[in-house]
């Protein structure tokens, strides 16, 4: 498996949270330096109760904003158009995949089931990044919908211990170049 790579949104989010953390530390240091005298408990409690709704509003806006911004970076497809169904069955210790390839840019629905025991299908992209995970259970079909834009060799792996041969449960899945690309 390759080293993880960081994308631009991850770096921007890390820098934003680092700045917020530094600002909070600076604020607490400022308050600690300025407050060298004894303060009666009632004064602290009154000020705390006055600040509590503002602090809650700040946290709610910050967390809601983070969730809303992160929705734009989810890997799941929102596009419309035909969906290619890929049927996948996991068994001890194999993956049965049909069809074995799709063209790049396809919206794909992996219909996943188990032949014997529970498995967990993990789909890794050509760069080694985990794209999606879904349970493979006997007598039940779970679906994983993705848009596969990058051509290359993807890897299907079992992520749930299913027996002594679990470590051998890898299967390639090919995403070919789109026609005319």
N, C-alpha and C. Protein backbone atom coordinates (compact mmCIF):
# COMPACT_ATOMS: atom_id res chain seq x y z
N UNK A 1 0.85 -1.17 0.00
CA UNK A 1 0.00 0.00 0.00
C UNK A 1 0.90 1.24 0.00
N UNK A 2 0.50 2.25 -0.73
CA UNK A 2 1.28 3.47 -0.85
C UNK A 2 1.02 4.39 0.33
N UNK A 3 1.93 5.38 0.48
CA UNK A 3 1.76 6.39 1.52
C UNK A 3 0.52 7.23 1.21
N UNK A 4 -0.20 7.68 2.22
CA UNK A 4 -1.37 8.52 1.95
C UNK A 4 -0.95 9.86 1.37
N UNK A 5 -1.73 10.40 0.47
CA UNK A 5 -1.47 11.72 -0.09
C UNK A 5 -2.54 12.67 0.42
N UNK A 6 -2.14 13.91 0.63
CA UNK A 6 -3.07 14.90 1.14
C UNK A 6 -3.53 15.79 0.00
N UNK A 7 -4.83 15.98 -0.09
CA UNK A 7 -5.38 16.82 -1.15
C UNK A 7 -5.51 18.24 -0.65
N UNK A 8 -5.79 19.16 -1.54
CA UNK A 8 -5.91 20.57 -1.18
C UNK A 8 -6.96 20.81 -0.10
N UNK A 9 -8.16 20.22 -0.16
CA UNK A 9 -9.14 20.47 0.92
C UNK A 9 -8.62 20.03 2.28
N UNK A 10 -7.92 18.91 2.34
CA UNK A 10 -7.39 18.44 3.62
C UNK A 10 -6.39 19.43 4.20
N UNK A 11 -5.53 19.98 3.36
CA UNK A 11 -4.53 20.95 3.82
C UNK A 11 -5.22 22.22 4.29
N UNK A 12 -6.21 22.70 3.53
CA UNK A 12 -6.93 23.92 3.92
C UNK A 12 -7.65 23.73 5.25
N UNK A 13 -8.29 22.58 5.43
CA UNK A 13 -8.99 22.31 6.69
C UNK A 13 -8.00 22.22 7.85
N UNK A 14 -6.86 21.57 7.64
CA UNK A 14 -5.84 21.47 8.70
C UNK A 14 -5.32 22.84 9.09
N UNK A 15 -5.06 23.70 8.12
CA UNK A 15 -4.56 25.05 8.41
C UNK A 15 -5.63 25.85 9.14
N UNK A 16 -6.88 25.73 8.74
CA UNK A 16 -7.98 26.45 9.40
C UNK A 16 -8.09 26.03 10.86
N UNK A 17 -8.08 24.71 11.11
CA UNK A 17 -8.20 24.26 12.50
C UNK A 17 -6.96 24.63 13.32
N UNK A 18 -5.79 24.63 12.72
CA UNK A 18 -4.58 25.06 13.43
C UNK A 18 -4.68 26.53 13.81
N UNK A 19 -5.18 27.37 12.91
CA UNK A 19 -5.35 28.80 13.22
C UNK A 19 -6.36 29.01 14.34
N UNK A 20 -7.46 28.27 14.28
CA UNK A 20 -8.47 28.38 15.35
C UNK A 20 -7.88 27.95 16.68
N UNK A 21 -7.13 26.85 16.68
CA UNK A 21 -6.51 26.37 17.93
C UNK A 21 -5.52 27.39 18.47
N UNK A 22 -4.71 27.97 17.60
CA UNK A 22 -3.74 28.98 18.05
C UNK A 22 -4.46 30.22 18.59
N UNK A 23 -5.54 30.63 17.95
CA UNK A 23 -6.31 31.78 18.43
C UNK A 23 -6.89 31.50 19.82
N UNK A 24 -7.43 30.29 20.01
CA UNK A 24 -7.97 29.94 21.33
C UNK A 24 -6.88 29.91 22.40
N UNK A 25 -5.73 29.34 22.07
CA UNK A 25 -4.62 29.31 23.04
C UNK A 25 -4.19 30.74 23.37
N UNK A 26 -4.08 31.58 22.34
CA UNK A 26 -3.71 32.98 22.57
C UNK A 26 -4.72 33.70 23.46
N UNK A 27 -6.00 33.44 23.23
CA UNK A 27 -7.04 34.04 24.05
C UNK A 27 -6.92 33.60 25.51
N UNK A 28 -6.71 32.30 25.72
CA UNK A 28 -6.59 31.80 27.09
C UNK A 28 -5.34 32.34 27.78
N UNK A 29 -4.25 32.46 27.06
CA UNK A 29 -3.04 33.04 27.64
C UNK A 29 -3.28 34.50 27.99
N UNK A 30 -3.92 35.24 27.10
CA UNK A 30 -4.24 36.65 27.35
C UNK A 30 -5.08 36.80 28.62
N UNK A 31 -6.11 35.97 28.74
CA UNK A 31 -6.98 36.03 29.92
C UNK A 31 -6.20 35.67 31.18
N UNK A 32 -5.36 34.65 31.09
CA UNK A 32 -4.59 34.23 32.27
C UNK A 32 -3.61 35.31 32.71
N UNK A 33 -2.97 36.00 31.78
CA UNK A 33 -2.01 37.05 32.13
C UNK A 33 -2.73 38.26 32.73
N UNK A 34 -3.89 38.60 32.19
CA UNK A 34 -4.62 39.77 32.65
C UNK A 34 -5.31 39.54 33.99
N UNK A 35 -5.56 38.30 34.35
CA UNK A 35 -6.32 38.01 35.56
C UNK A 35 -5.35 37.54 36.65
N UNK A 36 -4.74 38.50 37.34
CA UNK A 36 -3.80 38.17 38.41
C UNK A 36 -4.41 38.36 39.80
N UNK A 37 -5.60 38.90 39.88
CA UNK A 37 -6.21 39.17 41.18
C UNK A 37 -7.30 38.15 41.46
N UNK A 38 -7.70 38.08 42.70
CA UNK A 38 -8.79 37.21 43.11
C UNK A 38 -10.10 37.78 42.59
N UNK A 39 -10.91 36.92 42.04
CA UNK A 39 -12.21 37.34 41.53
C UNK A 39 -13.27 36.55 42.28
N UNK A 40 -14.29 37.22 42.80
CA UNK A 40 -15.34 36.49 43.52
C UNK A 40 -16.06 35.51 42.59
N UNK A 41 -16.47 34.40 43.17
CA UNK A 41 -17.13 33.34 42.40
C UNK A 41 -18.38 33.85 41.70
N UNK A 42 -19.16 34.69 42.38
CA UNK A 42 -20.39 35.21 41.78
C UNK A 42 -20.11 35.99 40.50
N UNK A 43 -19.03 36.74 40.47
CA UNK A 43 -18.69 37.53 39.28
C UNK A 43 -18.30 36.59 38.13
N UNK A 44 -17.57 35.54 38.45
CA UNK A 44 -17.17 34.58 37.42
C UNK A 44 -18.40 33.85 36.88
N UNK A 45 -19.27 33.43 37.77
CA UNK A 45 -20.47 32.71 37.36
C UNK A 45 -21.38 33.60 36.50
N UNK A 46 -21.55 34.84 36.90
CA UNK A 46 -22.38 35.77 36.13
C UNK A 46 -21.81 35.97 34.74
N UNK A 47 -20.51 36.19 34.65
CA UNK A 47 -19.87 36.39 33.34
C UNK A 47 -19.96 35.10 32.50
N UNK A 48 -19.78 33.97 33.16
CA UNK A 48 -19.87 32.70 32.45
C UNK A 48 -21.24 32.44 31.88
N UNK A 49 -22.28 32.74 32.66
CA UNK A 49 -23.64 32.55 32.17
C UNK A 49 -23.97 33.52 31.03
N UNK A 50 -23.36 34.70 31.07
CA UNK A 50 -23.58 35.66 30.00
C UNK A 50 -22.88 35.21 28.71
N UNK A 51 -21.74 34.57 28.81
CA UNK A 51 -20.98 34.13 27.63
C UNK A 51 -21.47 32.80 27.07
N UNK A 52 -22.11 31.99 27.88
CA UNK A 52 -22.48 30.63 27.45
C UNK A 52 -23.32 30.60 26.17
N UNK A 53 -24.36 31.39 25.99
CA UNK A 53 -25.12 31.31 24.74
C UNK A 53 -24.30 31.73 23.52
N UNK A 54 -23.41 32.72 23.69
CA UNK A 54 -22.57 33.14 22.56
C UNK A 54 -21.57 32.05 22.19
N UNK A 55 -21.02 31.40 23.20
CA UNK A 55 -20.07 30.32 22.94
C UNK A 55 -20.79 29.16 22.22
N UNK A 56 -21.98 28.83 22.66
CA UNK A 56 -22.76 27.77 22.00
C UNK A 56 -23.07 28.15 20.55
N UNK A 57 -23.45 29.39 20.32
CA UNK A 57 -23.74 29.84 18.96
C UNK A 57 -22.49 29.77 18.09
N UNK A 58 -21.34 30.19 18.63
CA UNK A 58 -20.08 30.11 17.89
C UNK A 58 -19.76 28.67 17.51
N UNK A 59 -19.86 27.75 18.46
CA UNK A 59 -19.57 26.35 18.17
C UNK A 59 -20.55 25.76 17.16
N UNK A 60 -21.83 26.10 17.28
CA UNK A 60 -22.83 25.60 16.34
C UNK A 60 -22.55 26.09 14.93
N UNK A 61 -22.21 27.37 14.78
CA UNK A 61 -21.89 27.91 13.45
C UNK A 61 -20.62 27.27 12.91
N UNK A 62 -19.61 27.12 13.74
CA UNK A 62 -18.34 26.51 13.31
C UNK A 62 -18.55 25.06 12.85
N UNK A 63 -19.24 24.27 13.64
CA UNK A 63 -19.44 22.87 13.29
C UNK A 63 -20.39 22.71 12.10
N UNK A 64 -21.45 23.50 12.05
CA UNK A 64 -22.36 23.43 10.91
C UNK A 64 -21.64 23.85 9.64
N UNK A 65 -20.85 24.89 9.71
CA UNK A 65 -20.07 25.32 8.55
C UNK A 65 -19.10 24.24 8.09
N UNK A 66 -18.45 23.57 9.03
CA UNK A 66 -17.53 22.49 8.68
C UNK A 66 -18.23 21.33 7.99
N UNK A 67 -19.41 20.98 8.48
CA UNK A 67 -20.17 19.89 7.85
C UNK A 67 -20.61 20.29 6.45
N UNK A 68 -21.13 21.51 6.30
CA UNK A 68 -21.61 21.96 4.99
C UNK A 68 -20.47 22.02 3.99
N UNK A 69 -19.33 22.57 4.39
CA UNK A 69 -18.19 22.65 3.48
C UNK A 69 -17.69 21.26 3.11
N UNK A 70 -17.65 20.34 4.06
CA UNK A 70 -17.12 19.00 3.76
C UNK A 70 -18.04 18.20 2.84
N UNK A 71 -19.32 18.55 2.77
CA UNK A 71 -20.23 17.83 1.88
C UNK A 71 -19.81 17.94 0.42
N UNK A 72 -19.14 19.05 0.06
CA UNK A 72 -18.71 19.24 -1.32
C UNK A 72 -17.54 18.33 -1.70
N UNK A 73 -16.88 17.73 -0.72
CA UNK A 73 -15.70 16.91 -1.00
C UNK A 73 -15.95 15.42 -0.82
N UNK A 74 -17.21 15.01 -0.66
CA UNK A 74 -17.52 13.60 -0.55
C UNK A 74 -17.28 12.90 -1.89
N UNK A 75 -16.81 11.67 -1.88
CA UNK A 75 -16.51 10.99 -3.13
C UNK A 75 -17.73 10.38 -3.81
N UNK A 76 -18.90 10.47 -3.20
CA UNK A 76 -20.06 9.81 -3.75
C UNK A 76 -20.69 10.65 -4.84
N UNK A 77 -21.12 10.02 -5.88
CA UNK A 77 -21.61 10.69 -7.07
C UNK A 77 -22.99 11.31 -6.85
N UNK A 78 -23.14 12.52 -7.36
CA UNK A 78 -24.45 13.17 -7.38
C UNK A 78 -24.92 13.32 -8.82
N UNK A 79 -24.14 12.81 -9.76
CA UNK A 79 -24.45 12.96 -11.19
C UNK A 79 -25.62 12.08 -11.58
N UNK A 80 -26.27 12.47 -12.67
CA UNK A 80 -27.38 11.69 -13.20
C UNK A 80 -26.89 10.93 -14.42
N UNK A 81 -27.62 9.93 -14.79
CA UNK A 81 -27.27 9.16 -15.98
C UNK A 81 -27.34 7.68 -15.68
N UNK A 82 -26.98 6.86 -16.68
CA UNK A 82 -27.07 5.41 -16.49
C UNK A 82 -26.09 4.90 -15.43
N UNK A 83 -26.51 3.86 -14.76
CA UNK A 83 -25.69 3.25 -13.72
C UNK A 83 -25.32 1.84 -14.18
N UNK A 84 -24.04 1.54 -14.09
CA UNK A 84 -23.58 0.19 -14.41
C UNK A 84 -23.59 -0.63 -13.12
N UNK A 85 -24.26 -1.77 -13.16
CA UNK A 85 -24.35 -2.63 -11.99
C UNK A 85 -23.22 -3.65 -12.05
N UNK A 86 -22.43 -3.71 -10.98
CA UNK A 86 -21.37 -4.70 -10.86
C UNK A 86 -21.77 -5.63 -9.72
N UNK A 87 -21.97 -6.89 -10.05
CA UNK A 87 -22.37 -7.88 -9.04
C UNK A 87 -21.12 -8.48 -8.42
N UNK A 88 -21.07 -8.43 -7.09
CA UNK A 88 -19.91 -8.93 -6.35
C UNK A 88 -20.39 -9.90 -5.29
N UNK A 89 -19.76 -11.08 -5.24
CA UNK A 89 -20.05 -12.07 -4.20
C UNK A 89 -18.74 -12.39 -3.49
N UNK A 90 -18.77 -12.31 -2.18
CA UNK A 90 -17.60 -12.66 -1.37
C UNK A 90 -17.79 -14.01 -0.74
N UNK A 91 -16.78 -14.85 -0.85
CA UNK A 91 -16.82 -16.17 -0.23
C UNK A 91 -15.46 -16.48 0.36
N UNK A 92 -15.40 -17.54 1.15
CA UNK A 92 -14.13 -17.91 1.75
C UNK A 92 -13.28 -18.59 0.68
N UNK A 93 -12.34 -18.09 0.13
CA UNK A 93 -11.61 -16.84 0.28
C UNK A 93 -11.41 -16.28 -1.11
N UNK A 94 -12.46 -15.72 -1.68
CA UNK A 94 -12.46 -15.22 -3.05
C UNK A 94 -13.48 -14.08 -3.18
N UNK A 95 -13.34 -13.34 -4.29
CA UNK A 95 -14.34 -12.38 -4.72
C UNK A 95 -14.75 -12.75 -6.13
N UNK A 96 -16.03 -12.87 -6.39
CA UNK A 96 -16.56 -13.08 -7.72
C UNK A 96 -17.13 -11.75 -8.19
N UNK A 97 -16.61 -11.23 -9.33
CA UNK A 97 -16.99 -9.89 -9.81
C UNK A 97 -17.45 -9.99 -11.26
N UNK A 98 -18.62 -9.40 -11.55
CA UNK A 98 -19.12 -9.42 -12.92
C UNK A 98 -19.90 -8.13 -13.19
N UNK A 99 -19.49 -7.35 -14.17
CA UNK A 99 -18.35 -7.47 -15.05
C UNK A 99 -17.07 -7.09 -14.32
N UNK A 100 -15.95 -7.40 -14.95
CA UNK A 100 -14.65 -7.18 -14.30
C UNK A 100 -14.07 -5.80 -14.58
N UNK A 101 -14.72 -5.03 -15.47
CA UNK A 101 -14.23 -3.69 -15.77
C UNK A 101 -15.37 -2.79 -16.21
N UNK A 102 -15.16 -1.49 -16.08
CA UNK A 102 -16.10 -0.47 -16.55
C UNK A 102 -15.28 0.68 -17.12
N UNK A 103 -15.87 1.49 -18.00
CA UNK A 103 -15.15 2.65 -18.52
C UNK A 103 -15.06 3.77 -17.49
N UNK A 104 -13.99 4.56 -17.58
CA UNK A 104 -13.81 5.70 -16.67
C UNK A 104 -14.98 6.67 -16.82
N UNK A 105 -15.36 7.29 -15.72
CA UNK A 105 -16.48 8.22 -15.71
C UNK A 105 -17.82 7.56 -15.48
N UNK A 106 -17.82 6.25 -15.29
CA UNK A 106 -19.07 5.52 -15.09
C UNK A 106 -19.60 5.70 -13.68
N UNK A 107 -20.92 5.78 -13.60
CA UNK A 107 -21.58 5.66 -12.31
C UNK A 107 -21.78 4.17 -12.10
N UNK A 108 -21.28 3.66 -10.99
CA UNK A 108 -21.29 2.22 -10.74
C UNK A 108 -22.04 1.94 -9.45
N UNK A 109 -22.87 0.89 -9.50
CA UNK A 109 -23.52 0.41 -8.28
C UNK A 109 -23.02 -1.01 -8.05
N UNK A 110 -22.22 -1.17 -7.00
CA UNK A 110 -21.74 -2.49 -6.62
C UNK A 110 -22.84 -3.16 -5.80
N UNK A 111 -23.40 -4.25 -6.31
CA UNK A 111 -24.40 -5.05 -5.61
C UNK A 111 -23.64 -6.20 -4.94
N UNK A 112 -23.48 -6.12 -3.63
CA UNK A 112 -22.56 -6.99 -2.90
C UNK A 112 -23.31 -7.94 -1.99
N UNK A 113 -22.94 -9.21 -2.04
CA UNK A 113 -23.52 -10.22 -1.16
C UNK A 113 -22.43 -11.18 -0.71
N UNK A 114 -22.74 -12.00 0.27
CA UNK A 114 -21.80 -13.00 0.77
C UNK A 114 -22.31 -14.40 0.47
N UNK A 115 -21.39 -15.31 0.21
CA UNK A 115 -21.78 -16.68 -0.11
C UNK A 115 -21.81 -17.57 1.13
N UNK A 116 -21.07 -17.19 2.17
CA UNK A 116 -20.96 -18.08 3.32
C UNK A 116 -20.98 -17.35 4.66
N UNK A 117 -20.06 -16.44 4.88
CA UNK A 117 -19.98 -15.70 6.13
C UNK A 117 -19.93 -14.21 5.78
N UNK A 118 -19.95 -13.35 6.80
CA UNK A 118 -19.84 -11.91 6.55
C UNK A 118 -18.44 -11.55 6.07
N UNK A 119 -18.39 -10.66 5.09
CA UNK A 119 -17.16 -10.08 4.60
C UNK A 119 -17.40 -8.58 4.54
N UNK A 120 -16.35 -7.81 4.38
CA UNK A 120 -16.49 -6.37 4.16
C UNK A 120 -15.69 -6.03 2.92
N UNK A 121 -16.38 -5.59 1.87
CA UNK A 121 -15.71 -5.22 0.63
C UNK A 121 -15.14 -3.82 0.79
N UNK A 122 -13.85 -3.71 0.58
CA UNK A 122 -13.18 -2.41 0.55
C UNK A 122 -12.67 -2.19 -0.86
N UNK A 123 -13.00 -1.06 -1.47
CA UNK A 123 -12.55 -0.75 -2.82
C UNK A 123 -11.46 0.31 -2.73
N UNK A 124 -10.25 -0.06 -3.20
CA UNK A 124 -9.11 0.84 -3.20
C UNK A 124 -8.87 1.35 -4.61
N UNK A 125 -8.58 2.65 -4.74
CA UNK A 125 -8.33 3.27 -6.03
C UNK A 125 -6.94 2.94 -6.55
N UNK A 126 -6.64 3.41 -7.76
CA UNK A 126 -5.33 3.14 -8.37
C UNK A 126 -4.16 3.70 -7.56
N UNK A 127 -4.41 4.72 -6.75
CA UNK A 127 -3.34 5.32 -5.94
C UNK A 127 -3.27 4.71 -4.54
N UNK A 128 -4.10 3.70 -4.27
CA UNK A 128 -4.08 3.02 -2.99
C UNK A 128 -5.00 3.63 -1.94
N UNK A 129 -5.82 4.61 -2.32
CA UNK A 129 -6.73 5.23 -1.36
C UNK A 129 -8.03 4.45 -1.28
N UNK A 130 -8.56 4.35 -0.08
CA UNK A 130 -9.82 3.64 0.14
C UNK A 130 -10.97 4.50 -0.36
N UNK A 131 -11.75 3.98 -1.31
CA UNK A 131 -12.83 4.74 -1.94
C UNK A 131 -14.18 4.43 -1.31
N UNK A 132 -14.43 3.18 -0.97
CA UNK A 132 -15.72 2.81 -0.41
C UNK A 132 -15.66 1.48 0.31
N UNK A 133 -16.58 1.29 1.25
CA UNK A 133 -16.67 0.06 2.04
C UNK A 133 -18.14 -0.32 2.13
N UNK A 134 -18.41 -1.62 2.02
CA UNK A 134 -19.77 -2.11 2.17
C UNK A 134 -19.71 -3.54 2.70
N UNK A 135 -20.68 -3.92 3.50
CA UNK A 135 -20.75 -5.29 4.05
C UNK A 135 -21.25 -6.27 2.99
N UNK A 136 -20.66 -7.45 2.99
CA UNK A 136 -21.11 -8.56 2.15
C UNK A 136 -21.66 -9.62 3.10
N UNK A 137 -22.98 -9.78 3.10
CA UNK A 137 -23.63 -10.68 4.04
C UNK A 137 -24.40 -11.76 3.29
N UNK A 138 -24.42 -12.97 3.79
CA UNK A 138 -25.19 -14.04 3.14
C UNK A 138 -26.68 -13.69 3.10
N UNK A 139 -27.35 -14.06 2.01
CA UNK A 139 -28.80 -13.89 1.83
C UNK A 139 -29.25 -12.42 1.88
N UNK A 140 -28.33 -11.49 1.61
CA UNK A 140 -28.68 -10.07 1.61
C UNK A 140 -27.77 -9.35 0.63
N UNK A 141 -28.31 -8.38 -0.07
CA UNK A 141 -27.50 -7.60 -1.02
C UNK A 141 -27.42 -6.15 -0.56
N UNK A 142 -26.19 -5.68 -0.35
CA UNK A 142 -25.95 -4.28 -0.03
C UNK A 142 -25.44 -3.59 -1.28
N UNK A 143 -25.72 -2.30 -1.40
CA UNK A 143 -25.31 -1.54 -2.58
C UNK A 143 -24.35 -0.44 -2.20
N UNK A 144 -23.35 -0.23 -3.04
CA UNK A 144 -22.38 0.85 -2.90
C UNK A 144 -22.35 1.59 -4.22
N UNK A 145 -22.79 2.84 -4.23
CA UNK A 145 -22.81 3.64 -5.45
C UNK A 145 -21.65 4.60 -5.49
N UNK A 146 -20.89 4.56 -6.58
CA UNK A 146 -19.73 5.42 -6.76
C UNK A 146 -19.64 5.88 -8.20
N UNK A 147 -18.92 6.95 -8.42
CA UNK A 147 -18.54 7.36 -9.77
C UNK A 147 -17.04 7.15 -9.87
N UNK A 148 -16.63 6.31 -10.81
CA UNK A 148 -15.22 5.97 -10.96
C UNK A 148 -14.66 6.75 -12.15
N UNK A 149 -13.97 7.84 -11.86
CA UNK A 149 -13.45 8.73 -12.91
C UNK A 149 -12.03 8.39 -13.34
N UNK A 150 -11.22 7.87 -12.45
CA UNK A 150 -9.81 7.63 -12.76
C UNK A 150 -9.62 6.24 -13.35
N UNK A 151 -9.07 6.17 -14.58
CA UNK A 151 -8.79 4.84 -15.14
C UNK A 151 -7.62 4.19 -14.39
N UNK A 152 -7.62 2.87 -14.37
CA UNK A 152 -6.53 2.16 -13.72
C UNK A 152 -7.01 0.89 -13.05
N UNK A 153 -6.11 0.32 -12.27
CA UNK A 153 -6.38 -0.94 -11.59
C UNK A 153 -6.83 -0.63 -10.16
N UNK A 154 -8.06 -0.96 -9.86
CA UNK A 154 -8.61 -0.82 -8.52
C UNK A 154 -8.48 -2.18 -7.84
N UNK A 155 -8.51 -2.18 -6.52
CA UNK A 155 -8.37 -3.43 -5.78
C UNK A 155 -9.55 -3.61 -4.84
N UNK A 156 -10.15 -4.79 -4.91
CA UNK A 156 -11.21 -5.16 -3.97
C UNK A 156 -10.56 -6.04 -2.91
N UNK A 157 -10.74 -5.67 -1.65
CA UNK A 157 -10.14 -6.41 -0.54
C UNK A 157 -11.19 -6.68 0.53
N UNK A 158 -10.98 -7.73 1.29
CA UNK A 158 -11.87 -8.04 2.41
C UNK A 158 -11.34 -7.32 3.64
N UNK A 159 -12.21 -6.57 4.30
CA UNK A 159 -11.81 -5.80 5.47
C UNK A 159 -12.36 -6.35 6.77
N UNK A 160 -12.98 -7.51 6.72
CA UNK A 160 -13.51 -8.13 7.93
C UNK A 160 -12.96 -9.55 8.02
N UNK A 161 -12.35 -9.88 9.15
CA UNK A 161 -11.76 -11.20 9.28
C UNK A 161 -12.82 -12.27 9.07
N UNK A 162 -12.55 -13.17 8.11
CA UNK A 162 -13.57 -14.15 7.71
C UNK A 162 -13.03 -15.58 7.76
N UNK A 163 -11.83 -15.76 8.25
CA UNK A 163 -11.26 -17.10 8.34
C UNK A 163 -9.76 -17.07 8.10
N UNK A 164 -9.17 -18.27 8.06
CA UNK A 164 -7.72 -18.37 7.96
C UNK A 164 -7.16 -17.87 6.64
N UNK A 165 -7.93 -17.85 5.56
CA UNK A 165 -7.44 -17.37 4.27
C UNK A 165 -7.82 -15.93 3.98
N UNK A 166 -8.26 -15.21 4.99
CA UNK A 166 -8.71 -13.83 4.84
C UNK A 166 -7.64 -12.96 4.16
N UNK A 167 -6.39 -13.18 4.50
CA UNK A 167 -5.31 -12.35 3.97
C UNK A 167 -5.13 -12.50 2.46
N UNK A 168 -5.74 -13.49 1.83
CA UNK A 168 -5.62 -13.70 0.39
C UNK A 168 -6.79 -13.10 -0.40
N UNK A 169 -7.72 -12.46 0.26
CA UNK A 169 -8.94 -11.99 -0.41
C UNK A 169 -8.73 -10.63 -1.08
N UNK A 170 -8.03 -10.64 -2.20
CA UNK A 170 -7.83 -9.46 -3.03
C UNK A 170 -8.30 -9.79 -4.44
N UNK A 171 -8.86 -8.82 -5.13
CA UNK A 171 -9.31 -9.03 -6.50
C UNK A 171 -9.15 -7.72 -7.27
N UNK A 172 -8.54 -7.76 -8.46
CA UNK A 172 -8.44 -6.52 -9.23
C UNK A 172 -9.77 -6.17 -9.89
N UNK A 173 -9.99 -4.90 -10.07
CA UNK A 173 -11.15 -4.38 -10.80
C UNK A 173 -10.61 -3.26 -11.68
N UNK A 174 -10.88 -3.33 -12.98
CA UNK A 174 -10.26 -2.42 -13.93
C UNK A 174 -11.26 -1.33 -14.36
N UNK A 175 -10.79 -0.11 -14.37
CA UNK A 175 -11.53 1.01 -14.93
C UNK A 175 -10.74 1.44 -16.17
N UNK A 176 -11.32 1.21 -17.34
CA UNK A 176 -10.65 1.48 -18.61
C UNK A 176 -10.84 2.95 -18.99
N UNK A 177 -10.01 3.40 -19.90
CA UNK A 177 -10.15 4.76 -20.42
C UNK A 177 -11.48 4.88 -21.15
N UNK A 178 -12.14 6.00 -20.95
CA UNK A 178 -13.44 6.21 -21.61
C UNK A 178 -13.25 6.26 -23.13
N UNK A 179 -14.18 5.77 -23.89
CA UNK A 179 -14.07 5.85 -25.35
C UNK A 179 -13.92 7.30 -25.81
N UNK A 180 -12.96 7.53 -26.68
CA UNK A 180 -12.71 8.86 -27.21
C UNK A 180 -11.85 9.72 -26.31
N UNK A 181 -11.33 9.16 -25.20
CA UNK A 181 -10.51 9.97 -24.29
C UNK A 181 -9.05 9.88 -24.65
